[in-house]
Structure formats: structure tokens, C-alpha cells
Amino acid sequence: MAKIATATRPGANTLTRDMTAAELADFQAQTAQDLADYPRKKAGGELAATDGLMIRAIEDLIDTLKLKGVISDADLPGPVVARIAARKLARGKL
């Protein structure tokens, strides 16, 4: 039998002494699904943790390519140019 938690973390499945058989089956199914989803969620968290740095690296790369004359704003979609300009403006306010 599973250990009964005395303290829980937010979002955790909680096993209690007074669970019905149906509630216990639901608990087991949800726990199994959580375990199956863990690698995907962990990878997603790792990607999210580096997204800001990657975005900045791409912005710097675009700036470098523009300075070297490899590309210009005309080579980029209008919404991309607008987003980059908005981010530069926001960074300038920091």
C-alpha cells in the first residue's frame, strides 16, 4: 500500500485514509499519468528556463547580421521587426 502523506505540495495527488475504492482507483490512475508525463514536463521546464536567453541570442544574431549587411529589416516579416523593436524599447527602459 502507498504511504499516506502527512504534508503535501501544491498540485500533488493526496492519498487519504478514508478514500473509497473508486477514489483510490482514480488516485492510482492520476499518479500513473503524472509519472508518464514527467519526462515531457521536465523537458518543457528546461526549455522554458532557457527561452529568455535564447531569444536574446537570436536578437543579437539578427543585429549582427544587419550590421554586417547580410540581412535588413526588409528581409524579415513585419511582425518580427515590430516585436524586436518593442523588446529593444522595453530593454532600454530597464
C-alpha atoms as a PDB file:
ATOM      1  CA  MET A   1       0.000   0.000   0.000  1.00  0.00           C
ATOM      2  CA  ALA A   2       1.168   3.523  -0.699  1.00  0.00           C
ATOM      3  CA  LYS A   3       2.494   5.696   2.061  1.00  0.00           C
ATOM      4  CA  ILE A   4      -0.005   8.256   3.306  1.00  0.00           C
ATOM      5  CA  ALA A   5       1.367  11.755   3.028  1.00  0.00           C
ATOM      6  CA  THR A   6       1.351  13.906   6.116  1.00  0.00           C
ATOM      7  CA  ALA A   7       2.330  17.041   4.203  1.00  0.00           C
ATOM      8  CA  THR A   8       1.560  17.840   0.595  1.00  0.00           C
ATOM      9  CA  ARG A   9       2.970  20.099  -2.024  1.00  0.00           C
ATOM     10  CA  PRO A  10       0.675  22.239  -4.198  1.00  0.00           C
ATOM     11  CA  GLY A  11      -0.799  20.232  -7.065  1.00  0.00           C
ATOM     12  CA  ALA A  12       0.231  16.887  -5.584  1.00  0.00           C
ATOM     13  CA  ASN A  13      -2.105  13.929  -5.507  1.00  0.00           C
ATOM     14  CA  THR A  14      -3.046  13.172  -1.913  1.00  0.00           C
ATOM     15  CA  LEU A  15      -3.850   9.737  -0.563  1.00  0.00           C
ATOM     16  CA  THR A  16      -6.120   9.775   2.478  1.00  0.00           C
ATOM     17  CA  ARG A  17      -7.218   7.041   4.883  1.00  0.00           C
ATOM     18  CA  ASP A  18     -10.921   7.469   4.116  1.00  0.00           C
ATOM     19  CA  MET A  19     -10.746   7.117   0.301  1.00  0.00           C
ATOM     20  CA  THR A  20     -13.327   4.897  -1.340  1.00  0.00           C
ATOM     21  CA  ALA A  21     -12.244   2.177  -3.770  1.00  0.00           C
ATOM     22  CA  ALA A  22     -13.262   4.402  -6.701  1.00  0.00           C
ATOM     23  CA  GLU A  23     -11.296   7.358  -5.293  1.00  0.00           C
ATOM     24  CA  LEU A  24      -8.275   5.111  -4.755  1.00  0.00           C
ATOM     25  CA  ALA A  25      -8.510   3.865  -8.358  1.00  0.00           C
ATOM     26  CA  ASP A  26      -8.694   7.478  -9.589  1.00  0.00           C
ATOM     27  CA  PHE A  27      -5.713   8.374  -7.396  1.00  0.00           C
ATOM     28  CA  GLN A  28      -3.684   5.460  -8.814  1.00  0.00           C
ATOM     29  CA  ALA A  29      -4.628   6.343 -12.398  1.00  0.00           C
ATOM     30  CA  GLN A  30      -3.715  10.020 -11.922  1.00  0.00           C
ATOM     31  CA  THR A  31      -0.424   9.118 -10.245  1.00  0.00           C
ATOM     32  CA  ALA A  32       0.447   6.768 -13.110  1.00  0.00           C
ATOM     33  CA  GLN A  33      -0.395   9.507 -15.632  1.00  0.00           C
ATOM     34  CA  ASP A  34       1.709  12.041 -13.703  1.00  0.00           C
ATOM     35  CA  LEU A  35       4.666   9.652 -13.788  1.00  0.00           C
ATOM     36  CA  ALA A  36       4.194   9.057 -17.517  1.00  0.00           C
ATOM     37  CA  ASP A  37       4.020  12.829 -18.182  1.00  0.00           C
ATOM     38  CA  TYR A  38       7.051  13.690 -16.018  1.00  0.00           C
ATOM     39  CA  PRO A  39       9.778  13.426 -18.717  1.00  0.00           C
ATOM     40  CA  ARG A  40       7.791  15.697 -21.082  1.00  0.00           C
ATOM     41  CA  LYS A  41       7.044  18.214 -18.328  1.00  0.00           C
ATOM     42  CA  LYS A  42      10.675  18.206 -17.174  1.00  0.00           C
ATOM     43  CA  ALA A  43      11.919  18.794 -20.719  1.00  0.00           C
ATOM     44  CA  GLY A  44       9.360  21.580 -21.168  1.00  0.00           C
ATOM     45  CA  GLY A  45      10.547  23.206 -17.953  1.00  0.00           C
ATOM     46  CA  GLU A  46      14.161  23.015 -19.089  1.00  0.00           C
ATOM     47  CA  LEU A  47      13.244  24.657 -22.390  1.00  0.00           C
ATOM     48  CA  ALA A  48      11.209  27.353 -20.665  1.00  0.00           C
ATOM     49  CA  ALA A  49      14.135  28.087 -18.352  1.00  0.00           C
ATOM     50  CA  THR A  50      16.384  28.888 -21.334  1.00  0.00           C
ATOM     51  CA  ASP A  51      13.831  30.623 -23.576  1.00  0.00           C
ATOM     52  CA  GLY A  52      14.749  34.127 -22.443  1.00  0.00           C
ATOM     53  CA  LEU A  53      18.428  33.557 -23.087  1.00  0.00           C
ATOM     54  CA  MET A  54      17.733  32.008 -26.472  1.00  0.00           C
ATOM     55  CA  ILE A  55      15.501  34.898 -27.513  1.00  0.00           C
ATOM     56  CA  ARG A  56      18.219  37.369 -26.583  1.00  0.00           C
ATOM     57  CA  ALA A  57      20.810  35.343 -28.519  1.00  0.00           C
ATOM     58  CA  ILE A  58      18.591  35.373 -31.617  1.00  0.00           C
ATOM     59  CA  GLU A  59      18.049  39.132 -31.271  1.00  0.00           C
ATOM     60  CA  ASP A  60      21.815  39.647 -31.016  1.00  0.00           C
ATOM     61  CA  LEU A  61      22.374  37.409 -34.045  1.00  0.00           C
ATOM     62  CA  ILE A  62      19.839  39.394 -36.085  1.00  0.00           C
ATOM     63  CA  ASP A  63      21.503  42.656 -35.015  1.00  0.00           C
ATOM     64  CA  THR A  64      24.931  41.315 -36.039  1.00  0.00           C
ATOM     65  CA  LEU A  65      23.668  40.124 -39.418  1.00  0.00           C
ATOM     66  CA  LYS A  66      22.056  43.523 -40.003  1.00  0.00           C
ATOM     67  CA  LEU A  67      25.252  45.386 -39.026  1.00  0.00           C
ATOM     68  CA  LYS A  68      27.282  43.244 -41.442  1.00  0.00           C
ATOM     69  CA  GLY A  69      24.768  43.905 -44.221  1.00  0.00           C
ATOM     70  CA  VAL A  70      23.791  40.251 -44.543  1.00  0.00           C
ATOM     71  CA  ILE A  71      20.122  40.985 -43.879  1.00  0.00           C
ATOM     72  CA  SER A  72      17.937  44.042 -43.447  1.00  0.00           C
ATOM     73  CA  ASP A  73      14.567  44.700 -41.854  1.00  0.00           C
ATOM     74  CA  ALA A  74      13.048  44.234 -45.315  1.00  0.00           C
ATOM     75  CA  ASP A  75      14.173  40.586 -45.220  1.00  0.00           C
ATOM     76  CA  LEU A  76      12.192  39.910 -42.051  1.00  0.00           C
ATOM     77  CA  PRO A  77       8.432  39.643 -41.637  1.00  0.00           C
ATOM     78  CA  GLY A  78       6.874  42.886 -40.412  1.00  0.00           C
ATOM     79  CA  PRO A  79       5.606  41.390 -37.123  1.00  0.00           C
ATOM     80  CA  VAL A  80       9.115  40.137 -36.321  1.00  0.00           C
ATOM     81  CA  VAL A  81      10.617  43.585 -36.897  1.00  0.00           C
ATOM     82  CA  ALA A  82       7.909  45.111 -34.699  1.00  0.00           C
ATOM     83  CA  ARG A  83       8.472  42.583 -31.872  1.00  0.00           C
ATOM     84  CA  ILE A  84      12.228  43.115 -31.922  1.00  0.00           C
ATOM     85  CA  ALA A  85      11.763  46.888 -31.840  1.00  0.00           C
ATOM     86  CA  ALA A  86       9.307  46.607 -28.945  1.00  0.00           C
ATOM     87  CA  ARG A  87      11.720  44.402 -26.985  1.00  0.00           C
ATOM     88  CA  LYS A  88      14.611  46.828 -27.588  1.00  0.00           C
ATOM     89  CA  LEU A  89      12.438  49.685 -26.377  1.00  0.00           C
ATOM     90  CA  ALA A  90      11.427  47.725 -23.263  1.00  0.00           C
ATOM     91  CA  ARG A  91      15.052  46.783 -22.542  1.00  0.00           C
ATOM     92  CA  GLY A  92      16.025  50.437 -22.917  1.00  0.00           C
ATOM     93  CA  LYS A  93      13.599  51.297 -20.098  1.00  0.00           C
ATOM     94  CA  LEU A  94      15.296  48.885 -17.666  1.00  0.00           C
END
